[in-house]
């Protein structure tokens, strides 16, 4: 289990939202990718994330679409 003080300062590398523990993963509370916890260490690498169902690329996440400037 992760220390609550550590969990309080961690954020999703994609959407910068808070993370919650679900089993052996950290889950972004905003956009939903799941990051593994290996040997008690959170692995917050985008390439190691499991994306939500129906999402094939990080750019498809709501948090990433919201960050892009509107087109002409």
N, C-alpha and C. Protein backbone atom coordinates (compact mmCIF):
# COMPACT_ATOMS: atom_id res chain seq x y z
N UNK A 1 0.85 -1.19 0.00
CA UNK A 1 0.00 0.00 0.00
C UNK A 1 0.88 1.24 0.00
N UNK A 2 0.48 2.23 -0.76
CA UNK A 2 1.23 3.47 -0.83
C UNK A 2 0.93 4.34 0.38
N UNK A 3 1.94 5.05 0.81
CA UNK A 3 1.79 6.00 1.90
C UNK A 3 0.87 7.14 1.44
N UNK A 4 -0.07 7.54 2.26
CA UNK A 4 -1.03 8.59 1.89
C UNK A 4 -0.33 9.91 1.58
N UNK A 5 0.75 10.22 2.29
CA UNK A 5 1.48 11.47 2.02
C UNK A 5 2.05 11.46 0.60
N UNK A 6 2.53 10.31 0.14
CA UNK A 6 3.04 10.19 -1.23
C UNK A 6 1.89 10.30 -2.22
N UNK A 7 0.82 9.61 -1.96
CA UNK A 7 -0.34 9.65 -2.85
C UNK A 7 -0.88 11.07 -2.99
N UNK A 8 -0.82 11.84 -1.92
CA UNK A 8 -1.32 13.22 -1.94
C UNK A 8 -0.53 14.13 -2.87
N UNK A 9 0.74 13.82 -3.14
CA UNK A 9 1.54 14.69 -3.99
C UNK A 9 1.68 14.17 -5.42
N UNK A 10 1.27 12.94 -5.66
CA UNK A 10 1.35 12.39 -7.02
C UNK A 10 0.19 12.90 -7.87
N UNK A 11 0.45 13.04 -9.17
CA UNK A 11 -0.58 13.46 -10.11
C UNK A 11 -0.42 12.69 -11.41
N UNK A 12 -1.49 12.57 -12.13
CA UNK A 12 -1.46 11.92 -13.43
C UNK A 12 -0.53 12.71 -14.36
N UNK A 13 0.40 12.04 -15.04
CA UNK A 13 1.29 12.76 -15.94
C UNK A 13 0.58 13.29 -17.19
N UNK A 14 -0.62 12.82 -17.45
CA UNK A 14 -1.38 13.27 -18.61
C UNK A 14 -2.30 14.43 -18.28
N UNK A 15 -3.16 14.25 -17.30
CA UNK A 15 -4.17 15.26 -17.00
C UNK A 15 -3.90 16.08 -15.75
N UNK A 16 -2.83 15.74 -15.03
CA UNK A 16 -2.42 16.46 -13.81
C UNK A 16 -3.44 16.36 -12.68
N UNK A 17 -4.38 15.44 -12.79
CA UNK A 17 -5.39 15.24 -11.74
C UNK A 17 -4.84 14.28 -10.69
N UNK A 18 -5.59 14.17 -9.60
CA UNK A 18 -5.21 13.26 -8.54
C UNK A 18 -5.34 11.81 -8.97
N UNK A 19 -4.70 10.95 -8.19
CA UNK A 19 -4.71 9.52 -8.47
C UNK A 19 -5.31 8.79 -7.29
N UNK A 20 -5.99 7.69 -7.57
CA UNK A 20 -6.51 6.84 -6.50
C UNK A 20 -5.98 5.43 -6.69
N UNK A 21 -5.83 4.72 -5.60
CA UNK A 21 -5.33 3.35 -5.64
C UNK A 21 -6.49 2.40 -5.89
N UNK A 22 -6.30 1.52 -6.87
CA UNK A 22 -7.24 0.42 -7.13
C UNK A 22 -6.40 -0.83 -7.34
N UNK A 23 -6.37 -1.67 -6.33
CA UNK A 23 -5.56 -2.88 -6.42
C UNK A 23 -4.08 -2.53 -6.51
N UNK A 24 -3.44 -3.01 -7.56
CA UNK A 24 -2.01 -2.75 -7.78
C UNK A 24 -1.81 -1.68 -8.85
N UNK A 25 -2.74 -0.74 -8.92
CA UNK A 25 -2.65 0.33 -9.92
C UNK A 25 -3.06 1.66 -9.31
N UNK A 26 -2.57 2.74 -9.93
CA UNK A 26 -3.05 4.08 -9.64
C UNK A 26 -3.91 4.49 -10.82
N UNK A 27 -5.08 5.06 -10.54
CA UNK A 27 -6.02 5.44 -11.59
C UNK A 27 -6.24 6.94 -11.53
N UNK A 28 -6.12 7.59 -12.69
CA UNK A 28 -6.37 9.03 -12.76
C UNK A 28 -7.85 9.28 -12.50
N UNK A 29 -8.12 10.20 -11.59
CA UNK A 29 -9.51 10.51 -11.23
C UNK A 29 -10.22 11.33 -12.30
N UNK A 30 -9.48 11.88 -13.25
CA UNK A 30 -10.10 12.70 -14.29
C UNK A 30 -10.25 11.96 -15.62
N UNK A 31 -9.13 11.41 -16.12
CA UNK A 31 -9.18 10.86 -17.48
C UNK A 31 -9.10 9.34 -17.55
N UNK A 32 -8.81 8.67 -16.44
CA UNK A 32 -8.96 7.23 -16.35
C UNK A 32 -7.82 6.30 -16.67
N UNK A 33 -6.65 6.75 -17.18
CA UNK A 33 -5.60 5.77 -17.40
C UNK A 33 -5.15 5.14 -16.09
N UNK A 34 -4.67 3.92 -16.19
CA UNK A 34 -4.24 3.15 -15.02
C UNK A 34 -2.73 2.95 -15.10
N UNK A 35 -2.05 3.27 -14.01
CA UNK A 35 -0.60 3.15 -13.94
C UNK A 35 -0.24 2.06 -12.94
N UNK A 36 0.68 1.16 -13.30
CA UNK A 36 1.01 0.05 -12.41
C UNK A 36 1.79 0.50 -11.17
N UNK A 37 1.63 -0.27 -10.11
CA UNK A 37 2.47 -0.14 -8.93
C UNK A 37 3.28 -1.42 -8.89
N UNK A 38 4.60 -1.30 -9.05
CA UNK A 38 5.47 -2.48 -9.09
C UNK A 38 6.39 -2.47 -7.88
N UNK A 39 6.32 -3.52 -7.11
CA UNK A 39 7.13 -3.64 -5.89
C UNK A 39 6.96 -2.42 -4.99
N UNK A 40 5.72 -1.91 -4.93
CA UNK A 40 5.41 -0.78 -4.08
C UNK A 40 5.78 0.57 -4.65
N UNK A 41 6.25 0.61 -5.90
CA UNK A 41 6.68 1.85 -6.54
C UNK A 41 5.73 2.20 -7.68
N UNK A 42 5.11 3.39 -7.65
CA UNK A 42 4.23 3.80 -8.75
C UNK A 42 5.05 4.04 -10.02
N UNK A 43 4.59 3.50 -11.13
CA UNK A 43 5.25 3.68 -12.42
C UNK A 43 4.35 4.61 -13.24
N UNK A 44 4.70 5.89 -13.25
CA UNK A 44 3.85 6.88 -13.92
C UNK A 44 4.37 7.23 -15.31
N UNK A 45 4.79 6.21 -16.03
CA UNK A 45 5.23 6.38 -17.41
C UNK A 45 4.04 6.18 -18.33
N UNK A 46 3.86 7.11 -19.24
CA UNK A 46 2.71 7.05 -20.15
C UNK A 46 2.72 5.75 -20.95
N UNK A 47 3.90 5.31 -21.37
CA UNK A 47 3.97 4.09 -22.17
C UNK A 47 3.62 2.83 -21.38
N UNK A 48 3.62 2.91 -20.06
CA UNK A 48 3.24 1.77 -19.22
C UNK A 48 1.78 1.83 -18.77
N UNK A 49 1.08 2.89 -19.12
CA UNK A 49 -0.31 3.07 -18.69
C UNK A 49 -1.25 2.17 -19.49
N UNK A 50 -2.32 1.75 -18.83
CA UNK A 50 -3.42 1.06 -19.49
C UNK A 50 -4.50 2.11 -19.71
N UNK A 51 -4.84 2.35 -20.96
CA UNK A 51 -5.82 3.37 -21.28
C UNK A 51 -7.24 2.83 -21.09
N UNK A 52 -8.19 3.73 -20.84
CA UNK A 52 -9.58 3.30 -20.68
C UNK A 52 -10.10 2.60 -21.95
N UNK A 53 -11.10 1.77 -21.77
CA UNK A 53 -11.71 1.05 -22.88
C UNK A 53 -12.16 2.04 -23.96
N UNK A 54 -11.86 1.71 -25.20
CA UNK A 54 -12.25 2.54 -26.33
C UNK A 54 -11.23 3.61 -26.69
N UNK A 55 -10.21 3.77 -25.88
CA UNK A 55 -9.15 4.75 -26.13
C UNK A 55 -7.92 3.99 -26.59
N UNK A 56 -7.37 4.38 -27.76
CA UNK A 56 -6.19 3.69 -28.28
C UNK A 56 -4.92 4.52 -28.19
N UNK A 57 -5.06 5.83 -28.04
CA UNK A 57 -3.91 6.74 -27.95
C UNK A 57 -4.16 7.75 -26.83
N UNK A 58 -3.11 8.14 -26.10
CA UNK A 58 -3.30 9.13 -25.03
C UNK A 58 -3.95 10.44 -25.53
N UNK A 59 -3.69 10.80 -26.78
CA UNK A 59 -4.24 12.04 -27.33
C UNK A 59 -5.77 12.02 -27.39
N UNK A 60 -6.38 10.84 -27.31
CA UNK A 60 -7.83 10.73 -27.35
C UNK A 60 -8.49 10.99 -26.00
N UNK A 61 -7.70 11.04 -24.94
CA UNK A 61 -8.25 11.27 -23.61
C UNK A 61 -8.83 12.68 -23.51
N UNK A 62 -9.90 12.82 -22.78
CA UNK A 62 -10.56 14.12 -22.61
C UNK A 62 -9.58 15.18 -22.11
N UNK A 63 -8.72 14.82 -21.18
CA UNK A 63 -7.77 15.80 -20.63
C UNK A 63 -6.81 16.31 -21.69
N UNK A 64 -6.49 15.50 -22.67
CA UNK A 64 -5.58 15.91 -23.73
C UNK A 64 -6.30 16.73 -24.80
N UNK A 65 -7.53 16.37 -25.10
CA UNK A 65 -8.31 17.15 -26.07
C UNK A 65 -8.58 18.54 -25.54
N UNK A 66 -8.80 18.66 -24.24
CA UNK A 66 -9.08 19.96 -23.64
C UNK A 66 -7.87 20.88 -23.66
N UNK A 67 -6.67 20.32 -23.71
CA UNK A 67 -5.44 21.11 -23.68
C UNK A 67 -5.07 21.65 -25.05
N UNK A 68 -5.61 21.06 -26.11
CA UNK A 68 -5.27 21.50 -27.47
C UNK A 68 -6.01 22.78 -27.82
N UNK A 69 -5.33 23.68 -28.50
CA UNK A 69 -6.03 24.90 -28.94
C UNK A 69 -7.08 24.57 -30.00
N UNK A 70 -8.12 25.35 -30.01
CA UNK A 70 -9.19 25.16 -30.99
C UNK A 70 -8.66 25.47 -32.38
N UNK A 71 -9.09 24.69 -33.36
CA UNK A 71 -8.66 24.90 -34.73
C UNK A 71 -9.42 26.04 -35.39
N UNK A 72 -8.99 26.39 -36.60
CA UNK A 72 -9.65 27.49 -37.33
C UNK A 72 -11.07 27.17 -37.71
